[in-house]
């Protein structure tokens, strides 16, 4: 401290060490013996929670370069319904470690399964899985692996989750050609965000338009600025949420930028992802009547082709109890269409609690919707 060159350096030293001493212990788990990684995770419990008194447990898997905190709209909703929720940052993202080598969706699936079964001690057969985008890709690997006995060493004799929601995802990555290739709109949005002369703020919002529609980003969020009372748009609210996490990570001594290497590593996992048709057909048969599945599709998605999303529902047909087809939505359905997604998830959880857990009839779906 006394060797600091000036007062500014001394102040930074004191702040850094004060934060290190006073910040709460963060929950981490070292998983995956074949490719060890330290994952950051959080467990969100309902208000007034008592051990063993929850309605159920949900395990939420997030997508490409996106942190677990972005499940907030679903976590709050599920907590209100009485469910305990676990979220986490994938390897190469957020507060989790970012090892520099090639990732695969099988590797990410193993990470998640060990976090679930070993660290949390939860049995997959008692857990509802929600997975979006890249999370849905390795979520398919988790579902297939459970059915095939891949996780028999840790999965407590479970052959399936209690239910599964797969949001805006696909069965194969870019290496499968047109089947898994990015939509043309993705390249258009990248070109638009990279135009010369754009301000930093404009680049941020152009980047967000890869995930959300411009109309939704500019719409009133219903939330006001805590100091000025000015109405915030959805885009402004997302920016504030991201900035809060950015500065929290700085205070925790975590690099707030994931970095190019992590970006490429997760990108390779997506590119090489492939759950082959024979595995999918077998999976559909084994999930039918045991693990009801919800598939959510977005017709204006710029990151996952709409046809590829529909293919997930078609392939898992016997096990799918509902397809929530949001033909006018962008990729970020958990925020942009949170009410419809939350209601569909609630219907799925109701279906999972029915005797037999089979496909809902149209009359039953109408009845469930009327209660929500």
Protein backbone atom coordinates (compact mmCIF):
# COMPACT_ATOMS: atom_id res chain seq x y z
CA UNK A 1 0.00 0.00 0.00
CA UNK A 2 2.72 2.48 0.99
CA UNK A 3 4.64 1.75 -2.18
CA UNK A 4 1.77 3.01 -4.33
CA UNK A 5 3.01 5.72 -6.71
CA UNK A 6 0.14 8.10 -6.04
CA UNK A 7 -3.12 8.49 -4.15
CA UNK A 8 -5.23 7.19 -7.05
CA UNK A 9 -3.29 3.94 -7.09
CA UNK A 10 -3.59 3.68 -3.30
CA UNK A 11 -7.34 4.22 -3.49
CA UNK A 12 -7.69 1.49 -6.10
CA UNK A 13 -5.61 -0.84 -3.92
CA UNK A 14 -7.80 -0.22 -0.86
CA UNK A 15 -11.03 -0.62 -2.89
CA UNK A 16 -9.84 -3.84 -4.50
CA UNK A 17 -8.83 -5.44 -1.21
CA UNK A 18 -11.87 -4.11 0.66
CA UNK A 19 -14.13 -5.69 -1.97
CA UNK A 20 -12.22 -8.98 -1.76
CA UNK A 21 -12.73 -9.08 2.02
CA UNK A 22 -16.37 -7.95 2.14
CA UNK A 23 -17.97 -9.56 -0.92
CA UNK A 24 -20.15 -12.59 -0.11
CA UNK A 25 -18.79 -16.02 -0.95
CA UNK A 26 -19.86 -16.89 -4.48
CA UNK A 27 -21.24 -20.37 -5.23
CA UNK A 28 -18.92 -22.30 -7.55
CA UNK A 29 -18.58 -25.95 -8.47
CA UNK A 30 -15.73 -27.78 -10.20
CA UNK A 31 -17.28 -30.25 -12.64
CA UNK A 32 -16.40 -32.57 -15.53
CA UNK A 33 -13.35 -34.71 -14.72
CA UNK A 34 -12.59 -35.16 -18.43
CA UNK A 35 -12.40 -31.39 -19.00
CA UNK A 36 -12.46 -29.73 -15.56
CA UNK A 37 -14.06 -26.31 -15.23
CA UNK A 38 -15.23 -24.08 -12.39
CA UNK A 39 -18.86 -23.05 -12.88
CA UNK A 40 -20.68 -20.21 -11.19
CA UNK A 41 -24.25 -21.04 -10.21
CA UNK A 42 -27.14 -19.68 -8.15
CA UNK A 43 -30.11 -21.32 -6.46
CA UNK A 44 -33.24 -19.14 -6.31
CA UNK A 45 -35.83 -20.09 -3.68
CA UNK A 46 -39.43 -18.91 -3.24
CA UNK A 47 -40.24 -16.38 -0.56
CA UNK A 48 -40.71 -18.13 2.79
CA UNK A 49 -39.10 -21.29 1.45
CA UNK A 50 -38.64 -24.23 3.80
CA UNK A 51 -36.53 -27.31 2.96
CA UNK A 52 -38.63 -29.96 1.26
CA UNK A 53 -41.69 -27.71 1.05
CA UNK A 54 -41.17 -26.46 -2.51
CA UNK A 55 -43.57 -27.46 -5.29
CA UNK A 56 -40.69 -28.72 -7.41
CA UNK A 57 -37.27 -27.92 -8.86
CA UNK A 58 -36.26 -26.31 -12.15
CA UNK A 59 -32.84 -26.37 -13.82
CA UNK A 60 -32.31 -23.61 -16.40
CA UNK A 61 -29.67 -23.76 -19.17
CA UNK A 62 -28.79 -20.52 -20.97
CA UNK A 63 -27.42 -19.96 -24.46
CA UNK A 64 -24.43 -18.61 -26.33
CA UNK A 65 -22.30 -16.08 -24.40
CA UNK A 66 -25.26 -15.28 -22.14
CA UNK A 67 -25.24 -15.52 -18.36
CA UNK A 68 -27.66 -17.32 -16.11
CA UNK A 69 -29.05 -14.10 -14.59
CA UNK A 70 -30.93 -13.45 -17.84
CA UNK A 71 -33.43 -16.15 -16.80
CA UNK A 72 -34.77 -13.58 -14.32
CA UNK A 73 -38.28 -13.26 -15.87
CA UNK A 74 -38.78 -17.03 -15.63
CA UNK A 75 -37.10 -17.45 -12.23
CA UNK A 76 -39.35 -14.82 -10.65
CA UNK A 77 -42.42 -16.45 -12.17
CA UNK A 78 -41.42 -19.97 -11.14
CA UNK A 79 -40.57 -18.84 -7.62
CA UNK A 80 -44.07 -17.39 -7.36
CA UNK A 81 -45.45 -20.81 -8.33
CA UNK A 82 -43.41 -22.38 -5.54
CA UNK A 83 -40.49 -23.83 -7.53
CA UNK A 84 -36.82 -23.71 -6.55
CA UNK A 85 -34.68 -22.74 -9.57
CA UNK A 86 -30.99 -23.23 -10.36
CA UNK A 87 -29.23 -21.07 -12.95
CA UNK A 88 -25.57 -21.03 -13.97
CA UNK A 89 -23.04 -19.51 -16.34
CA UNK A 90 -21.77 -21.90 -19.02
CA UNK A 91 -18.05 -22.48 -19.34
CA UNK A 92 -16.52 -19.62 -21.29
CA UNK A 93 -19.03 -17.09 -20.02
CA UNK A 94 -19.72 -14.70 -17.14
CA UNK A 95 -18.32 -15.69 -13.75
CA UNK A 96 -17.49 -19.26 -14.80
CA UNK A 97 -14.01 -20.26 -15.94
CA UNK A 98 -13.08 -19.72 -19.58
CA UNK A 99 -10.63 -22.46 -20.57
CA UNK A 100 -9.10 -21.87 -23.97
CA UNK A 101 -9.73 -24.91 -26.13
CA UNK A 102 -12.50 -26.31 -28.28
CA UNK A 103 -15.86 -26.91 -26.57
CA UNK A 104 -18.59 -29.33 -27.67
CA UNK A 105 -22.25 -29.57 -26.74
CA UNK A 106 -21.53 -32.99 -25.19
CA UNK A 107 -18.93 -31.30 -22.97
CA UNK A 108 -21.40 -28.57 -21.97
CA UNK A 109 -24.03 -31.23 -21.28
CA UNK A 110 -21.62 -33.08 -18.98
CA UNK A 111 -20.86 -29.80 -17.16
CA UNK A 112 -24.55 -29.21 -16.55
CA UNK A 113 -25.35 -32.78 -15.52
CA UNK A 114 -22.55 -32.88 -12.96
CA UNK A 115 -23.64 -29.52 -11.56
CA UNK A 116 -27.19 -30.84 -11.28
CA UNK A 117 -26.51 -34.32 -9.93
CA UNK A 118 -23.26 -33.99 -7.99
CA UNK A 119 -23.08 -30.39 -6.74
CA UNK A 120 -26.80 -29.81 -6.18
CA UNK A 121 -27.60 -33.45 -5.48
CA UNK A 122 -30.84 -33.27 -7.48
CA UNK A 123 -32.32 -36.29 -9.25
CA UNK A 124 -33.13 -35.55 -12.93
CA UNK A 125 -36.39 -37.48 -12.64
CA UNK A 126 -37.58 -34.92 -10.09
CA UNK A 127 -36.37 -31.86 -12.01
CA UNK A 128 -37.96 -29.75 -14.79
CA UNK A 129 -35.35 -28.68 -17.38
CA UNK A 130 -35.63 -25.39 -19.29
CA UNK A 131 -33.07 -24.75 -22.03
CA UNK A 132 -32.77 -22.03 -24.67
CA UNK A 133 -30.71 -21.64 -27.86
CA UNK A 134 -27.25 -23.18 -27.31
CA UNK A 135 -28.58 -24.35 -23.93
CA UNK A 136 -31.27 -26.22 -25.84
CA UNK A 137 -28.61 -27.84 -28.03
CA UNK A 138 -26.74 -29.32 -25.10
CA UNK A 139 -30.12 -29.81 -23.41
CA UNK A 140 -30.91 -32.29 -26.20
CA UNK A 141 -27.60 -34.00 -25.43
CA UNK A 142 -28.61 -34.18 -21.76
CA UNK A 143 -31.99 -35.70 -22.64
CA UNK A 144 -30.45 -38.19 -25.09
CA UNK A 145 -27.63 -39.03 -22.70
CA UNK A 146 -30.08 -39.80 -19.87
CA UNK A 147 -32.11 -42.06 -22.17
CA UNK A 148 -28.95 -43.83 -23.36
CA UNK A 149 -27.47 -44.30 -19.88
CA UNK A 150 -24.50 -41.98 -20.52
CA UNK A 151 -24.92 -40.40 -17.07
CA UNK A 152 -25.61 -43.61 -15.15
CA UNK A 153 -22.62 -42.84 -12.91
CA UNK A 154 -24.22 -39.67 -11.53
CA UNK A 155 -27.92 -39.56 -12.52
CA UNK A 156 -29.39 -41.54 -9.62
CA UNK A 157 -31.05 -44.11 -11.91
CA UNK A 158 -33.02 -41.40 -13.74
CA UNK A 159 -33.75 -42.05 -17.42
CA UNK A 160 -35.36 -38.66 -18.08
CA UNK A 161 -36.19 -35.29 -16.58
CA UNK A 162 -39.63 -34.78 -15.11
CA UNK A 163 -40.33 -32.40 -18.01
CA UNK A 164 -38.34 -30.38 -20.53
CA UNK A 165 -38.84 -27.04 -22.28
CA UNK A 166 -36.70 -26.46 -25.40
CA UNK A 167 -36.75 -22.84 -26.57
CA UNK A 168 -35.59 -21.55 -29.99
CA UNK A 169 -33.04 -24.30 -30.55
CA UNK A 170 -32.01 -26.89 -33.15
CA UNK A 171 -30.83 -30.47 -33.45
CA UNK A 172 -27.72 -29.79 -35.59
CA UNK A 173 -25.12 -27.06 -35.91
CA UNK A 174 -23.56 -25.20 -38.79
CA UNK A 175 -21.42 -28.11 -40.00
CA UNK A 176 -24.64 -29.82 -41.15
CA UNK A 177 -25.05 -27.25 -43.92
CA UNK A 178 -28.46 -25.72 -44.52
CA UNK A 179 -30.01 -27.84 -41.74
CA UNK A 180 -28.09 -25.95 -39.05
CA UNK A 181 -26.83 -22.86 -40.84
CA UNK A 182 -27.44 -19.35 -39.54
CA UNK A 183 -30.35 -17.37 -41.03
CA UNK A 184 -29.54 -14.77 -43.68
CA UNK A 185 -30.89 -12.09 -41.32
CA UNK A 186 -28.01 -12.79 -38.92
CA UNK A 187 -25.42 -11.68 -41.48
CA UNK A 188 -27.52 -8.63 -42.35
CA UNK A 189 -27.67 -7.60 -38.69
CA UNK A 190 -23.90 -8.09 -38.27
CA UNK A 191 -23.24 -5.92 -41.32
CA UNK A 192 -25.62 -3.27 -39.97
CA UNK A 193 -23.93 -3.21 -36.56
CA UNK A 194 -20.49 -2.89 -38.17
CA UNK A 195 -21.28 0.12 -40.33
CA UNK A 196 -18.67 2.89 -40.03
CA UNK A 197 -19.70 6.06 -38.23
CA UNK A 198 -21.96 4.43 -35.63
CA UNK A 199 -21.61 5.64 -32.04
CA UNK A 200 -20.84 3.16 -29.27
CA UNK A 201 -24.43 3.41 -28.08
CA UNK A 202 -25.76 2.76 -31.58
CA UNK A 203 -23.53 -0.33 -31.89
CA UNK A 204 -24.90 -1.69 -28.60
CA UNK A 205 -28.48 -1.32 -29.78
CA UNK A 206 -27.69 -2.73 -33.21
CA UNK A 207 -26.14 -5.72 -31.47
CA UNK A 208 -29.28 -6.20 -29.38
CA UNK A 209 -31.33 -6.27 -32.58
CA UNK A 210 -29.76 -9.67 -33.36
CA UNK A 211 -31.75 -11.03 -30.42
CA UNK A 212 -34.73 -8.68 -30.05
CA UNK A 213 -37.00 -6.86 -32.46
CA UNK A 214 -36.45 -3.13 -32.90
CA UNK A 215 -40.12 -2.51 -32.11
CA UNK A 216 -39.88 -4.30 -28.77
CA UNK A 217 -36.60 -2.61 -27.82
CA UNK A 218 -38.20 0.81 -28.38
CA UNK A 219 -41.43 -0.03 -26.54
CA UNK A 220 -42.23 1.16 -23.02
CA UNK A 221 -41.08 -1.43 -20.46
CA UNK A 222 -43.54 -0.28 -17.82
CA UNK A 223 -40.58 0.53 -15.54
CA UNK A 224 -39.41 4.01 -14.58
CA UNK A 225 -35.91 5.26 -13.87
CA UNK A 226 -35.38 5.05 -10.08
CA UNK A 227 -34.10 8.64 -9.85
CA UNK A 228 -35.66 10.62 -12.70
CA UNK A 229 -38.98 8.73 -12.90
CA UNK A 230 -38.62 8.80 -16.70
CA UNK A 231 -40.24 5.84 -18.47
CA UNK A 232 -37.66 3.30 -19.68
CA UNK A 233 -37.86 1.42 -22.96
CA UNK A 234 -37.21 -2.30 -23.03
CA UNK A 235 -33.83 -1.62 -24.61
CA UNK A 236 -32.88 0.81 -21.86
CA UNK A 237 -33.98 -1.67 -19.21
CA UNK A 238 -31.85 -4.43 -20.73
CA UNK A 239 -28.88 -2.05 -20.94
CA UNK A 240 -29.24 -1.12 -17.27
CA UNK A 241 -29.50 -4.80 -16.31
CA UNK A 242 -26.33 -5.59 -18.25
CA UNK A 243 -24.48 -2.58 -16.81
CA UNK A 244 -25.37 -3.65 -13.26
CA UNK A 245 -23.85 -7.07 -13.88
CA UNK A 246 -20.83 -5.53 -15.62
CA UNK A 247 -19.89 -3.37 -12.64
CA UNK A 248 -20.70 -6.13 -10.14
CA UNK A 249 -18.18 -8.37 -11.89
CA UNK A 250 -15.59 -5.60 -11.86
CA UNK A 251 -16.06 -5.28 -8.08
CA UNK A 252 -15.73 -9.06 -7.73
CA UNK A 253 -12.45 -9.06 -9.64
CA UNK A 254 -14.00 -10.84 -12.65
CA UNK A 255 -13.20 -9.70 -16.19
CA UNK A 256 -16.59 -8.43 -17.46
CA UNK A 257 -15.68 -9.31 -21.06
CA UNK A 258 -15.84 -12.98 -22.04
CA UNK A 259 -13.15 -12.50 -24.67
CA UNK A 260 -12.64 -13.67 -28.24
CA UNK A 261 -11.29 -17.10 -27.27
CA UNK A 262 -14.43 -17.94 -25.27
CA UNK A 263 -16.60 -16.61 -28.09
CA UNK A 264 -14.90 -18.90 -30.58
CA UNK A 265 -14.90 -21.89 -28.21
CA UNK A 266 -18.66 -21.72 -27.66
CA UNK A 267 -19.13 -20.98 -31.36
CA UNK A 268 -17.32 -24.22 -32.22
CA UNK A 269 -19.65 -26.11 -29.85
CA UNK A 270 -22.62 -24.77 -31.81
CA UNK A 271 -20.99 -25.39 -35.18
CA UNK A 272 -20.23 -29.05 -34.44
CA UNK A 273 -23.46 -29.80 -32.56
CA UNK A 274 -25.39 -32.76 -33.93
CA UNK A 275 -27.94 -35.06 -32.32
CA UNK A 276 -28.40 -37.51 -35.18
CA UNK A 277 -31.87 -38.57 -36.40
CA UNK A 278 -31.63 -42.15 -35.05
CA UNK A 279 -30.85 -40.81 -31.56
CA UNK A 280 -33.73 -38.33 -31.80
CA UNK A 281 -36.21 -41.02 -32.86
CA UNK A 282 -35.16 -43.23 -29.97
CA UNK A 283 -35.30 -40.26 -27.61
CA UNK A 284 -38.85 -39.38 -28.70
CA UNK A 285 -39.98 -42.95 -27.98
CA UNK A 286 -38.37 -43.02 -24.55
CA UNK A 287 -39.69 -39.61 -23.49
CA UNK A 288 -43.26 -40.33 -24.59
CA UNK A 289 -45.47 -40.62 -21.51
CA UNK A 290 -42.52 -40.09 -19.15
CA UNK A 291 -41.13 -36.61 -19.82
CA UNK A 292 -43.55 -34.14 -21.47
CA UNK A 293 -41.77 -31.66 -23.74
CA UNK A 294 -42.60 -28.05 -24.63
CA UNK A 295 -41.02 -26.60 -27.79
CA UNK A 296 -40.99 -22.83 -28.31
CA UNK A 297 -40.39 -21.45 -31.83
CA UNK A 298 -39.79 -17.87 -32.98
CA UNK A 299 -40.66 -16.99 -36.57
CA UNK A 300 -38.48 -13.85 -36.80
CA UNK A 301 -35.39 -15.38 -35.20
CA UNK A 302 -32.07 -14.08 -36.56
CA UNK A 303 -29.91 -16.68 -34.81
CA UNK A 304 -31.70 -20.01 -35.27
CA UNK A 305 -33.62 -20.83 -38.43
CA UNK A 306 -37.36 -21.12 -37.85
CA UNK A 307 -37.49 -24.34 -39.87
CA UNK A 308 -34.79 -25.85 -37.63
CA UNK A 309 -36.82 -24.97 -34.55
CA UNK A 310 -39.92 -26.58 -36.02
CA UNK A 311 -37.83 -29.65 -36.82
CA UNK A 312 -37.17 -30.15 -33.09
CA UNK A 313 -40.92 -30.37 -32.45
CA UNK A 314 -41.50 -32.68 -35.43
CA UNK A 315 -38.68 -35.05 -34.44
CA UNK A 316 -39.71 -35.31 -30.78
CA UNK A 317 -43.39 -35.46 -31.82
CA UNK A 318 -44.65 -38.29 -29.55
CA UNK A 319 -43.26 -36.59 -26.44
CA UNK A 320 -44.22 -33.00 -27.31
CA UNK A 321 -47.28 -31.82 -25.40
CA UNK A 322 -47.26 -28.29 -26.85
CA UNK A 323 -45.54 -26.19 -29.50
CA UNK A 324 -45.67 -22.50 -28.64
CA UNK A 325 -45.34 -21.00 -32.11
CA UNK A 326 -44.46 -17.29 -31.82
CA UNK A 327 -44.38 -16.50 -35.52
CA UNK A 328 -43.81 -12.76 -35.00
CA UNK A 329 -41.15 -13.04 -32.26
CA UNK A 330 -37.38 -12.64 -32.32
CA UNK A 331 -34.86 -14.94 -30.62
CA UNK A 332 -35.08 -13.42 -27.14
CA UNK A 333 -38.44 -14.99 -26.26
CA UNK A 334 -37.73 -15.17 -22.51
CA UNK A 335 -37.86 -11.36 -22.37
CA UNK A 336 -39.74 -10.29 -25.50
CA UNK A 337 -42.57 -12.79 -25.00
CA UNK A 338 -42.15 -13.54 -21.32
CA UNK A 339 -45.88 -13.76 -20.51
CA UNK A 340 -46.63 -16.32 -23.23
CA UNK A 341 -43.48 -18.31 -22.46
CA UNK A 342 -44.17 -18.31 -18.72
CA UNK A 343 -47.77 -19.41 -19.27
CA UNK A 344 -46.64 -22.24 -21.57
CA UNK A 345 -44.05 -23.37 -19.00
CA UNK A 346 -46.77 -23.39 -16.33
CA UNK A 347 -48.92 -25.60 -18.57
CA UNK A 348 -45.95 -27.93 -19.04
CA UNK A 349 -45.41 -28.21 -15.29
CA UNK A 350 -49.10 -28.99 -14.84
CA UNK A 351 -48.84 -31.67 -17.54
CA UNK A 352 -45.84 -33.21 -15.77
CA UNK A 353 -47.88 -33.59 -12.59
CA UNK A 354 -50.75 -35.41 -14.33
CA UNK A 355 -50.96 -39.20 -13.93
CA UNK A 356 -49.30 -40.80 -16.95
CA UNK A 357 -47.85 -37.44 -18.05
CA UNK A 358 -49.01 -37.98 -21.63
CA UNK A 359 -49.94 -35.53 -24.37
CA UNK A 360 -52.57 -32.94 -23.45
CA UNK A 361 -55.79 -32.99 -25.40
CA UNK A 362 -56.98 -29.74 -27.01
CA UNK A 363 -59.74 -29.54 -24.38
CA UNK A 364 -57.20 -29.93 -21.56
CA UNK A 365 -54.98 -27.23 -23.06
CA UNK A 366 -57.94 -24.84 -23.20
CA UNK A 367 -58.74 -25.65 -19.58
CA UNK A 368 -55.18 -25.04 -18.46
CA UNK A 369 -54.96 -21.74 -20.36
CA UNK A 370 -58.18 -20.53 -18.73
CA UNK A 371 -56.70 -21.13 -15.28
CA UNK A 372 -53.53 -19.11 -15.98
